[in-house]
Amino acid sequence: MKCQLKSWQGFQKLLFWICLVTTSLLYQFQSDFCSLTHLVKLDLSKNQLQQLPSDFGRLVNLQHLDLLNNRLVTLPVSFAQLKNLKWLDLKDNPLDSTLAKVAGDCLDEKQCKQAAIRVLQHMKTIQSDLDRERQRKLQAERELEKKREAERRAREVQERELRKREKAEEKERRRREYDALKAAKQEMAKQPKKDMGENPKLSSASHSSHPPQHKRSWTKVFLKILLLLLLGALSTLAVCKLTELQHQPVCISVNMLYEDALTALQSRKILQNVLQPNSQQ
């Protein structure tokens, strides 16, 4: 089984190479064949040809061409270049209906000569139509290219104008910002002078009002000091009266001062009580 598979693969490779070589030889033959420009008479009848080489028109000196009994359907466009062709036989080919009608029958010498004239004229018409179509397409492509180029240029001009306008707007915006900043600086520079010129009385009044403020502040400070001293004395008296520190020398002095002050106040009160009835009498 493996031997049969290998032999079949070898046979396929052989067929491939045969086809490749045949195609190459055929292409080479066609190229070499169409280079025989001095041919005058050519008989290709009964060869089962399906098509002629595309550059068949290079045989410009050809006068007699026999293509009887092949499998041709159409002729190459370059066939119109066979300007010296005088005799043509296309019988027994599955030609296109239009080409078959133009070629007619080649049953005698006269008909074969007429077939050559009519086929050449028909192929020239086809070539002219193809050339016109090619020119039309080329012209359309050129017009399209011109249109694209014009659109591209118009787009570039529009973009340049847009960039120019944007730059001008940006420049104008910066100029306005600079002018506004400059005006603000000038206004700020004028403002202190204006205040000094319009409010001299306010400035003098503010200067004259400072001394009372200083006086009031000193009075507040003095009252705070007296309050702190009074609180300190009361705190010392409370400590000396209520704690174990009352037998200390300092506390004894404080207590004595407190007793003296209290006696003086009481005596003053008694004196007031005595003097008050006398004054009433």
C-alpha atoms as a PDB file:
ATOM      1  CA  MET A   1       0.000   0.000   0.000  1.00  0.00           C
ATOM      2  CA  LYS A   2       2.804   2.418   0.908  1.00  0.00           C
ATOM      3  CA  CYS A   3       4.648   1.572  -2.319  1.00  0.00           C
ATOM      4  CA  GLN A   4       1.499   2.335  -4.354  1.00  0.00           C
ATOM      5  CA  LEU A   5       1.051   5.671  -2.530  1.00  0.00           C
ATOM      6  CA  LYS A   6       4.651   6.655  -3.172  1.00  0.00           C
ATOM      7  CA  SER A   7       4.386   5.694  -6.841  1.00  0.00           C
ATOM      8  CA  TRP A   8       1.165   7.732  -7.199  1.00  0.00           C
ATOM      9  CA  GLN A   9       2.801  10.783  -5.583  1.00  0.00           C
ATOM     10  CA  GLY A  10       5.771  10.398  -7.920  1.00  0.00           C
ATOM     11  CA  PHE A  11       3.434  10.200 -10.904  1.00  0.00           C
ATOM     12  CA  GLN A  12       1.652  13.391  -9.789  1.00  0.00           C
ATOM     13  CA  LYS A  13       4.955  15.214  -9.493  1.00  0.00           C
ATOM     14  CA  LEU A  14       5.929  14.016 -12.951  1.00  0.00           C
ATOM     15  CA  LEU A  15       2.631  15.295 -14.410  1.00  0.00           C
ATOM     16  CA  PHE A  16       3.131  18.639 -12.713  1.00  0.00           C
ATOM     17  CA  TRP A  17       6.593  19.059 -14.194  1.00  0.00           C
ATOM     18  CA  ILE A  18       5.378  17.968 -17.629  1.00  0.00           C
ATOM     19  CA  CYS A  19       2.578  20.571 -17.530  1.00  0.00           C
ATOM     20  CA  LEU A  20       4.994  23.248 -16.349  1.00  0.00           C
ATOM     21  CA  VAL A  21       7.527  22.496 -19.068  1.00  0.00           C
ATOM     22  CA  THR A  22       4.792  22.284 -21.736  1.00  0.00           C
ATOM     23  CA  THR A  23       3.338  25.651 -20.687  1.00  0.00           C
ATOM     24  CA  SER A  24       6.770  27.237 -20.700  1.00  0.00           C
ATOM     25  CA  LEU A  25       7.569  25.797 -24.132  1.00  0.00           C
ATOM     26  CA  LEU A  26       4.187  26.896 -25.483  1.00  0.00           C
ATOM     27  CA  TYR A  27       4.697  30.439 -24.174  1.00  0.00           C
ATOM     28  CA  GLN A  28       8.194  30.482 -25.625  1.00  0.00           C
ATOM     29  CA  PHE A  29       6.855  29.137 -28.914  1.00  0.00           C
ATOM     30  CA  GLN A  30       4.172  31.835 -29.059  1.00  0.00           C
ATOM     31  CA  SER A  31       6.694  34.572 -28.317  1.00  0.00           C
ATOM     32  CA  ASP A  32       9.141  33.223 -30.883  1.00  0.00           C
ATOM     33  CA  PHE A  33       6.360  32.582 -33.389  1.00  0.00           C
ATOM     34  CA  CYS A  34       5.079  36.174 -33.314  1.00  0.00           C
ATOM     35  CA  SER A  35       8.620  37.442 -33.836  1.00  0.00           C
ATOM     36  CA  LEU A  36       8.615  35.910 -37.341  1.00  0.00           C
ATOM     37  CA  THR A  37       7.560  39.205 -38.862  1.00  0.00           C
ATOM     38  CA  HIS A  38       8.612  38.247 -42.410  1.00  0.00           C
ATOM     39  CA  LEU A  39       6.002  35.492 -42.754  1.00  0.00           C
ATOM     40  CA  VAL A  40       3.787  35.949 -45.785  1.00  0.00           C
ATOM     41  CA  LYS A  41       1.726  32.760 -45.787  1.00  0.00           C
ATOM     42  CA  LEU A  42       0.692  30.770 -42.706  1.00  0.00           C
ATOM     43  CA  ASP A  43      -1.379  27.599 -42.511  1.00  0.00           C
ATOM     44  CA  LEU A  44      -2.650  26.758 -38.996  1.00  0.00           C
ATOM     45  CA  SER A  45      -5.656  24.709 -40.031  1.00  0.00           C
ATOM     46  CA  LYS A  46      -6.778  21.628 -38.129  1.00  0.00           C
ATOM     47  CA  ASN A  47      -4.690  22.274 -35.008  1.00  0.00           C
ATOM     48  CA  GLN A  48      -7.497  22.574 -32.441  1.00  0.00           C
ATOM     49  CA  LEU A  49      -6.292  26.081 -31.523  1.00  0.00           C
ATOM     50  CA  GLN A  50      -8.469  27.802 -28.918  1.00  0.00           C
ATOM     51  CA  GLN A  51      -6.897  31.239 -29.219  1.00  0.00           C
ATOM     52  CA  LEU A  52      -4.168  33.114 -31.028  1.00  0.00           C
ATOM     53  CA  PRO A  53      -1.310  34.940 -29.246  1.00  0.00           C
ATOM     54  CA  SER A  54      -2.242  38.438 -28.075  1.00  0.00           C
ATOM     55  CA  ASP A  55       0.622  39.930 -30.130  1.00  0.00           C
ATOM     56  CA  PHE A  56      -0.372  38.072 -33.314  1.00  0.00           C
ATOM     57  CA  GLY A  57      -0.583  41.464 -35.009  1.00  0.00           C
ATOM     58  CA  ARG A  58       3.219  41.653 -35.107  1.00  0.00           C
ATOM     59  CA  LEU A  59       3.085  39.521 -38.275  1.00  0.00           C
ATOM     60  CA  VAL A  60       2.558  42.684 -40.325  1.00  0.00           C
ATOM     61  CA  ASN A  61       3.727  41.117 -43.643  1.00  0.00           C
ATOM     62  CA  LEU A  62       1.249  38.238 -43.482  1.00  0.00           C
ATOM     63  CA  GLN A  63      -0.943  37.982 -46.601  1.00  0.00           C
ATOM     64  CA  HIS A  64      -2.423  34.493 -46.503  1.00  0.00           C
ATOM     65  CA  LEU A  65      -3.822  32.946 -43.268  1.00  0.00           C
ATOM     66  CA  ASP A  66      -5.613  29.614 -43.029  1.00  0.00           C
ATOM     67  CA  LEU A  67      -7.354  28.933 -39.656  1.00  0.00           C
ATOM     68  CA  LEU A  68      -9.716  26.215 -40.898  1.00  0.00           C
ATOM     69  CA  ASN A  69     -11.140  23.701 -38.423  1.00  0.00           C
ATOM     70  CA  ASN A  70      -9.872  25.022 -35.057  1.00  0.00           C
ATOM     71  CA  ARG A  71     -11.671  25.975 -31.841  1.00  0.00           C
ATOM     72  CA  LEU A  72     -11.348  29.714 -32.103  1.00  0.00           C
ATOM     73  CA  VAL A  73     -14.120  31.887 -30.630  1.00  0.00           C
ATOM     74  CA  THR A  74     -12.583  35.324 -30.965  1.00  0.00           C
ATOM     75  CA  LEU A  75      -9.507  36.935 -32.471  1.00  0.00           C
ATOM     76  CA  PRO A  76      -6.962  39.103 -30.613  1.00  0.00           C
ATOM     77  CA  VAL A  77      -7.399  42.872 -30.973  1.00  0.00           C
ATOM     78  CA  SER A  78      -3.916  43.104 -32.470  1.00  0.00           C
ATOM     79  CA  PHE A  79      -5.335  41.201 -35.498  1.00  0.00           C
ATOM     80  CA  ALA A  80      -6.337  44.631 -36.844  1.00  0.00           C
ATOM     81  CA  GLN A  81      -2.642  45.408 -37.426  1.00  0.00           C
ATOM     82  CA  LEU A  82      -2.390  42.781 -40.232  1.00  0.00           C
ATOM     83  CA  LYS A  83      -2.808  45.499 -42.865  1.00  0.00           C
ATOM     84  CA  ASN A  84      -1.332  43.333 -45.675  1.00  0.00           C
ATOM     85  CA  LEU A  85      -3.716  40.396 -45.118  1.00  0.00           C
ATOM     86  CA  LYS A  86      -5.400  39.468 -48.423  1.00  0.00           C
ATOM     87  CA  TRP A  87      -6.798  35.969 -47.777  1.00  0.00           C
ATOM     88  CA  LEU A  88      -8.451  34.479 -44.667  1.00  0.00           C
ATOM     89  CA  ASP A  89     -10.292  31.244 -43.932  1.00  0.00           C
ATOM     90  CA  LEU A  90     -12.165  30.893 -40.590  1.00  0.00           C
ATOM     91  CA  LYS A  91     -14.525  28.064 -41.492  1.00  0.00           C
ATOM     92  CA  ASP A  92     -15.369  25.308 -38.986  1.00  0.00           C
ATOM     93  CA  ASN A  93     -14.594  27.411 -35.871  1.00  0.00           C
ATOM     94  CA  PRO A  94     -17.090  28.106 -33.037  1.00  0.00           C
ATOM     95  CA  LEU A  95     -16.789  31.814 -33.702  1.00  0.00           C
ATOM     96  CA  ASP A  96     -18.702  34.539 -31.906  1.00  0.00           C
ATOM     97  CA  SER A  97     -21.938  35.219 -33.738  1.00  0.00           C
ATOM     98  CA  THR A  98     -20.926  38.728 -34.790  1.00  0.00           C
ATOM     99  CA  LEU A  99     -17.480  37.603 -35.954  1.00  0.00           C
ATOM    100  CA  ALA A 100     -18.941  34.611 -37.785  1.00  0.00           C
ATOM    101  CA  LYS A 101     -21.385  36.867 -39.616  1.00  0.00           C
ATOM    102  CA  VAL A 102     -18.592  39.248 -40.619  1.00  0.00           C
ATOM    103  CA  ALA A 103     -16.254  36.436 -41.781  1.00  0.00           C
ATOM    104  CA  GLY A 104     -18.881  34.620 -43.819  1.00  0.00           C
ATOM    105  CA  ASP A 105     -18.021  31.506 -45.799  1.00  0.00           C
ATOM    106  CA  CYS A 106     -14.690  30.942 -47.479  1.00  0.00           C
ATOM    107  CA  LEU A 107     -15.856  28.613 -50.271  1.00  0.00           C
ATOM    108  CA  ASP A 108     -13.749  30.131 -53.026  1.00  0.00           C
ATOM    109  CA  GLU A 109     -10.928  32.589 -53.579  1.00  0.00           C
ATOM    110  CA  LYS A 110     -13.194  35.599 -53.801  1.00  0.00           C
ATOM    111  CA  GLN A 111     -15.031  34.839 -50.571  1.00  0.00           C
ATOM    112  CA  CYS A 112     -11.766  34.269 -48.694  1.00  0.00           C
ATOM    113  CA  LYS A 113     -10.420  37.632 -49.896  1.00  0.00           C
ATOM    114  CA  GLN A 114     -13.651  39.358 -48.884  1.00  0.00           C
ATOM    115  CA  ALA A 115     -13.461  37.604 -45.482  1.00  0.00           C
ATOM    116  CA  ALA A 116      -9.972  39.048 -44.948  1.00  0.00           C
ATOM    117  CA  ILE A 117     -11.167  42.560 -45.807  1.00  0.00           C
ATOM    118  CA  ARG A 118     -14.325  42.374 -43.663  1.00  0.00           C
ATOM    119  CA  VAL A 119     -12.585  40.773 -40.653  1.00  0.00           C
ATOM    120  CA  LEU A 120      -9.784  43.348 -40.744  1.00  0.00           C
ATOM    121  CA  GLN A 121     -12.353  46.150 -40.897  1.00  0.00           C
ATOM    122  CA  HIS A 122     -14.314  44.596 -38.034  1.00  0.00           C
ATOM    123  CA  MET A 123     -11.204  44.194 -35.879  1.00  0.00           C
ATOM    124  CA  LYS A 124     -10.149  47.786 -36.643  1.00  0.00           C
ATOM    125  CA  THR A 125     -13.578  48.934 -35.462  1.00  0.00           C
ATOM    126  CA  ILE A 126     -13.202  46.919 -32.270  1.00  0.00           C
ATOM    127  CA  GLN A 127      -9.715  48.322 -31.764  1.00  0.00           C
ATOM    128  CA  SER A 128     -10.998  51.864 -32.330  1.00  0.00           C
ATOM    129  CA  ASP A 129     -13.808  51.306 -29.848  1.00  0.00           C
ATOM    130  CA  LEU A 130     -11.356  49.923 -27.320  1.00  0.00           C
ATOM    131  CA  ASP A 131      -8.992  52.825 -27.930  1.00  0.00           C
ATOM    132  CA  ARG A 132     -11.834  55.314 -27.467  1.00  0.00           C
ATOM    133  CA  GLU A 133     -12.951  53.548 -24.307  1.00  0.00           C
ATOM    134  CA  ARG A 134      -9.389  53.524 -23.073  1.00  0.00           C
ATOM    135  CA  GLN A 135      -9.020  57.215 -23.883  1.00  0.00           C
ATOM    136  CA  ARG A 136     -12.357  57.945 -22.211  1.00  0.00           C
ATOM    137  CA  LYS A 137     -11.265  56.127 -19.074  1.00  0.00           C
ATOM    138  CA  LEU A 138      -7.893  57.846 -19.178  1.00  0.00           C
ATOM    139  CA  GLN A 139      -9.595  61.213 -19.633  1.00  0.00           C
ATOM    140  CA  ALA A 140     -12.000  60.436 -16.795  1.00  0.00           C
ATOM    141  CA  GLU A 141      -9.076  59.465 -14.587  1.00  0.00           C
ATOM    142  CA  ARG A 142      -7.285  62.685 -15.505  1.00  0.00           C
ATOM    143  CA  GLU A 143     -10.399  64.744 -14.798  1.00  0.00           C
ATOM    144  CA  LEU A 144     -10.842  62.958 -11.506  1.00  0.00           C
ATOM    145  CA  GLU A 145      -7.210  63.560 -10.664  1.00  0.00           C
ATOM    146  CA  LYS A 146      -7.584  67.245 -11.569  1.00  0.00           C
ATOM    147  CA  LYS A 147     -10.703  67.466  -9.446  1.00  0.00           C
ATOM    148  CA  ARG A 148      -8.929  65.835  -6.526  1.00  0.00           C
ATOM    149  CA  GLU A 149      -5.960  68.159  -6.982  1.00  0.00           C
ATOM    150  CA  ALA A 150      -8.276  71.186  -7.090  1.00  0.00           C
ATOM    151  CA  GLU A 151     -10.086  69.986  -3.965  1.00  0.00           C
ATOM    152  CA  ARG A 152      -6.769  69.392  -2.238  1.00  0.00           C
ATOM    153  CA  ARG A 153      -5.545  72.874  -3.129  1.00  0.00           C
ATOM    154  CA  ALA A 154      -8.835  74.430  -2.052  1.00  0.00           C
ATOM    155  CA  ARG A 155      -8.631  72.515   1.217  1.00  0.00           C
ATOM    156  CA  GLU A 156      -5.055  73.697   1.737  1.00  0.00           C
ATOM    157  CA  VAL A 157      -6.075  77.310   1.035  1.00  0.00           C
ATOM    158  CA  GLN A 158      -8.988  76.975   3.443  1.00  0.00           C
ATOM    159  CA  GLU A 159      -6.730  75.506   6.108  1.00  0.00           C
ATOM    160  CA  ARG A 160      -4.211  78.316   5.619  1.00  0.00           C
ATOM    161  CA  GLU A 161      -6.963  80.916   5.900  1.00  0.00           C
ATOM    162  CA  LEU A 162      -8.284  79.210   9.014  1.00  0.00           C
ATOM    163  CA  ARG A 163      -4.830  79.141  10.607  1.00  0.00           C
ATOM    164  CA  LYS A 164      -4.284  82.780   9.658  1.00  0.00           C
ATOM    165  CA  ARG A 165      -7.649  83.757  11.178  1.00  0.00           C
ATOM    166  CA  GLU A 166      -6.917  81.779  14.338  1.00  0.00           C
ATOM    167  CA  LYS A 167      -3.523  83.496  14.674  1.00  0.00           C
ATOM    168  CA  ALA A 168      -5.140  86.911  14.170  1.00  0.00           C
ATOM    169  CA  GLU A 169      -7.808  86.126  16.787  1.00  0.00           C
ATOM    170  CA  GLU A 170      -5.163  84.885  19.214  1.00  0.00           C
ATOM    171  CA  LYS A 171      -3.105  88.035  18.637  1.00  0.00           C
ATOM    172  CA  GLU A 172      -6.160  90.239  19.177  1.00  0.00           C
ATOM    173  CA  ARG A 173      -7.072  88.353  22.355  1.00  0.00           C
ATOM    174  CA  ARG A 174      -3.564  88.787  23.742  1.00  0.00           C
ATOM    175  CA  ARG A 175      -3.602  92.483  22.836  1.00  0.00           C
ATOM    176  CA  ARG A 176      -6.910  92.979  24.664  1.00  0.00           C
ATOM    177  CA  GLU A 177      -5.594  91.116  27.705  1.00  0.00           C
ATOM    178  CA  TYR A 178      -2.444  93.259  27.666  1.00  0.00           C
ATOM    179  CA  ASP A 179      -4.474  96.470  27.356  1.00  0.00           C
ATOM    180  CA  ALA A 180      -6.792  95.393  30.178  1.00  0.00           C
ATOM    181  CA  LEU A 181      -3.826  94.530  32.414  1.00  0.00           C
ATOM    182  CA  LYS A 182      -2.142  97.822  31.603  1.00  0.00           C
ATOM    183  CA  ALA A 183      -5.326  99.778  32.371  1.00  0.00           C
ATOM    184  CA  ALA A 184      -5.738  97.899  35.655  1.00  0.00           C
ATOM    185  CA  LYS A 185      -2.168  98.729  36.662  1.00  0.00           C
ATOM    186  CA  GLN A 186      -2.684 102.375  35.809  1.00  0.00           C
ATOM    187  CA  GLU A 187      -5.923 102.450  37.810  1.00  0.00           C
ATOM    188  CA  MET A 188      -4.197 100.842  40.779  1.00  0.00           C
ATOM    189  CA  ALA A 189      -1.389 103.397  40.530  1.00  0.00           C
ATOM    190  CA  LYS A 190      -3.889 106.300  40.513  1.00  0.00           C
ATOM    191  CA  GLN A 191      -6.002 104.963  43.404  1.00  0.00           C
ATOM    192  CA  PRO A 192      -3.587 105.748  46.344  1.00  0.00           C
ATOM    193  CA  LYS A 193      -3.065 109.330  45.096  1.00  0.00           C
ATOM    194  CA  LYS A 194      -6.805 109.792  44.822  1.00  0.00           C
ATOM    195  CA  ASP A 195      -7.383 108.499  48.314  1.00  0.00           C
ATOM    196  CA  MET A 196      -4.689 110.783  49.690  1.00  0.00           C
ATOM    197  CA  GLY A 197      -6.136 113.799  47.856  1.00  0.00           C
ATOM    198  CA  GLU A 198      -9.785 113.229  48.725  1.00  0.00           C
ATOM    199  CA  ASN A 199      -9.510 112.145  52.383  1.00  0.00           C
ATOM    200  CA  PRO A 200      -6.964 114.366  54.199  1.00  0.00           C
ATOM    201  CA  LYS A 201      -9.504 115.086  56.955  1.00  0.00           C
ATOM    202  CA  LEU A 202     -10.114 111.404  57.469  1.00  0.00           C
ATOM    203  CA  SER A 203      -6.394 110.778  57.764  1.00  0.00           C
ATOM    204  CA  SER A 204      -5.976 113.641  60.295  1.00  0.00           C
ATOM    205  CA  ALA A 205      -9.031 112.489  62.218  1.00  0.00           C
ATOM    206  CA  SER A 206      -7.633 109.013  62.367  1.00  0.00           C
ATOM    207  CA  HIS A 207      -4.369 110.391  63.711  1.00  0.00           C
ATOM    208  CA  SER A 208      -6.213 112.504  66.358  1.00  0.00           C
ATOM    209  CA  SER A 209      -8.326 109.562  67.432  1.00  0.00           C
ATOM    210  CA  HIS A 210      -5.326 107.419  68.291  1.00  0.00           C
ATOM    211  CA  PRO A 211      -4.516 109.072  71.681  1.00  0.00           C
ATOM    212  CA  PRO A 212      -7.958 108.377  73.253  1.00  0.00           C
ATOM    213  CA  GLN A 213      -7.612 104.814  72.119  1.00  0.00           C
ATOM    214  CA  HIS A 214      -4.231 104.639  73.863  1.00  0.00           C
ATOM    215  CA  LYS A 215      -5.743 106.184  77.004  1.00  0.00           C
ATOM    216  CA  ARG A 216      -8.603 103.731  77.079  1.00  0.00           C
ATOM    217  CA  SER A 217      -6.219 100.863  76.596  1.00  0.00           C
ATOM    218  CA  TRP A 218      -4.060 102.020  79.556  1.00  0.00           C
ATOM    219  CA  THR A 219      -7.164 102.330  81.788  1.00  0.00           C
ATOM    220  CA  LYS A 220      -8.198  98.801  80.920  1.00  0.00           C
ATOM    221  CA  VAL A 221      -4.727  97.532  81.698  1.00  0.00           C
ATOM    222  CA  PHE A 222      -4.705  99.316  85.071  1.00  0.00           C
ATOM    223  CA  LEU A 223      -8.121  97.919  86.030  1.00  0.00           C
ATOM    224  CA  LYS A 224      -7.001  94.415  85.065  1.00  0.00           C
ATOM    225  CA  ILE A 225      -3.909  94.793  87.284  1.00  0.00           C
ATOM    226  CA  LEU A 226      -6.025  95.969  90.237  1.00  0.00           C
ATOM    227  CA  LEU A 227      -8.406  93.062  89.719  1.00  0.00           C
ATOM    228  CA  LEU A 228      -5.534  90.613  89.637  1.00  0.00           C
ATOM    229  CA  LEU A 229      -4.064  92.140  92.854  1.00  0.00           C
ATOM    230  CA  LEU A 230      -7.433  91.908  94.593  1.00  0.00           C
ATOM    231  CA  LEU A 231      -7.863  88.311  93.528  1.00  0.00           C
ATOM    232  CA  GLY A 232      -4.327  87.564  94.719  1.00  0.00           C
ATOM    233  CA  ALA A 233      -5.008  89.160  98.120  1.00  0.00           C
ATOM    234  CA  LEU A 234      -8.275  87.296  98.565  1.00  0.00           C
ATOM    235  CA  SER A 235      -6.603  84.042  97.572  1.00  0.00           C
ATOM    236  CA  THR A 236      -3.766  84.646 100.079  1.00  0.00           C
ATOM    237  CA  LEU A 237      -6.266  85.509 102.836  1.00  0.00           C
ATOM    238  CA  ALA A 238      -8.278  82.384 102.111  1.00  0.00           C
ATOM    239  CA  VAL A 239      -5.156  80.229 102.218  1.00  0.00           C
ATOM    240  CA  CYS A 240      -3.999  81.769 105.474  1.00  0.00           C
ATOM    241  CA  LYS A 241      -7.439  81.455 107.098  1.00  0.00           C
ATOM    242  CA  LEU A 242      -8.539  78.029 105.963  1.00  0.00           C
ATOM    243  CA  THR A 243      -5.365  75.966 105.617  1.00  0.00           C
ATOM    244  CA  GLU A 244      -2.650  74.750 107.947  1.00  0.00           C
ATOM    245  CA  LEU A 245      -0.421  77.598 106.741  1.00  0.00           C
ATOM    246  CA  GLN A 246      -2.152  80.067 109.115  1.00  0.00           C
ATOM    247  CA  HIS A 247       0.596  79.575 111.751  1.00  0.00           C
ATOM    248  CA  GLN A 248       3.327  80.554 109.300  1.00  0.00           C
ATOM    249  CA  PRO A 249       4.913  84.006 109.814  1.00  0.00           C
ATOM    250  CA  VAL A 250       3.602  85.308 106.509  1.00  0.00           C
ATOM    251  CA  CYS A 251       0.078  84.150 107.235  1.00  0.00           C
ATOM    252  CA  ILE A 252       0.250  85.579 110.767  1.00  0.00           C
ATOM    253  CA  SER A 253       1.112  88.982 109.277  1.00  0.00           C
ATOM    254  CA  VAL A 254      -1.686  88.651 106.735  1.00  0.00           C
ATOM    255  CA  ASN A 255      -4.188  87.691 109.415  1.00  0.00           C
ATOM    256  CA  MET A 256      -3.136  90.632 111.551  1.00  0.00           C
ATOM    257  CA  LEU A 257      -3.546  93.018 108.669  1.00  0.00           C
ATOM    258  CA  TYR A 258      -6.950  91.511 107.965  1.00  0.00           C
ATOM    259  CA  GLU A 259      -8.008  91.920 111.654  1.00  0.00           C
ATOM    260  CA  ASP A 260      -6.767  95.527 111.722  1.00  0.00           C
ATOM    261  CA  ALA A 261      -8.612  96.333 108.514  1.00  0.00           C
ATOM    262  CA  LEU A 262     -11.767  94.680 109.792  1.00  0.00           C
ATOM    263  CA  THR A 263     -11.537  96.622 113.140  1.00  0.00           C
ATOM    264  CA  ALA A 264     -11.047  99.863 111.283  1.00  0.00           C
ATOM    265  CA  LEU A 265     -14.092  99.232 109.148  1.00  0.00           C
ATOM    266  CA  GLN A 266     -16.205  98.355 112.169  1.00  0.00           C
ATOM    267  CA  SER A 267     -15.118 101.467 114.064  1.00  0.00           C
ATOM    268  CA  ARG A 268     -15.909 103.581 111.025  1.00  0.00           C
ATOM    269  CA  LYS A 269     -19.338 102.047 110.882  1.00  0.00           C
ATOM    270  CA  ILE A 270     -19.955 102.751 114.599  1.00  0.00           C
ATOM    271  CA  LEU A 271     -18.824 106.347 114.104  1.00  0.00           C
ATOM    272  CA  GLN A 272     -21.200 106.772 111.214  1.00  0.00           C
ATOM    273  CA  ASN A 273     -24.056 105.408 113.342  1.00  0.00           C
ATOM    274  CA  VAL A 274     -23.235 107.889 116.115  1.00  0.00           C
ATOM    275  CA  LEU A 275     -22.897 110.874 113.838  1.00  0.00           C
ATOM    276  CA  GLN A 276     -26.058 110.144 111.905  1.00  0.00           C
ATOM    277  CA  PRO A 277     -28.554 110.763 114.847  1.00  0.00           C
ATOM    278  CA  ASN A 278     -26.742 113.958 115.821  1.00  0.00           C
ATOM    279  CA  SER A 279     -27.000 115.271 112.332  1.00  0.00           C
ATOM    280  CA  GLN A 280     -30.692 114.493 112.267  1.00  0.00           C
ATOM    281  CA  GLN A 281     -31.287 116.460 115.534  1.00  0.00           C
END
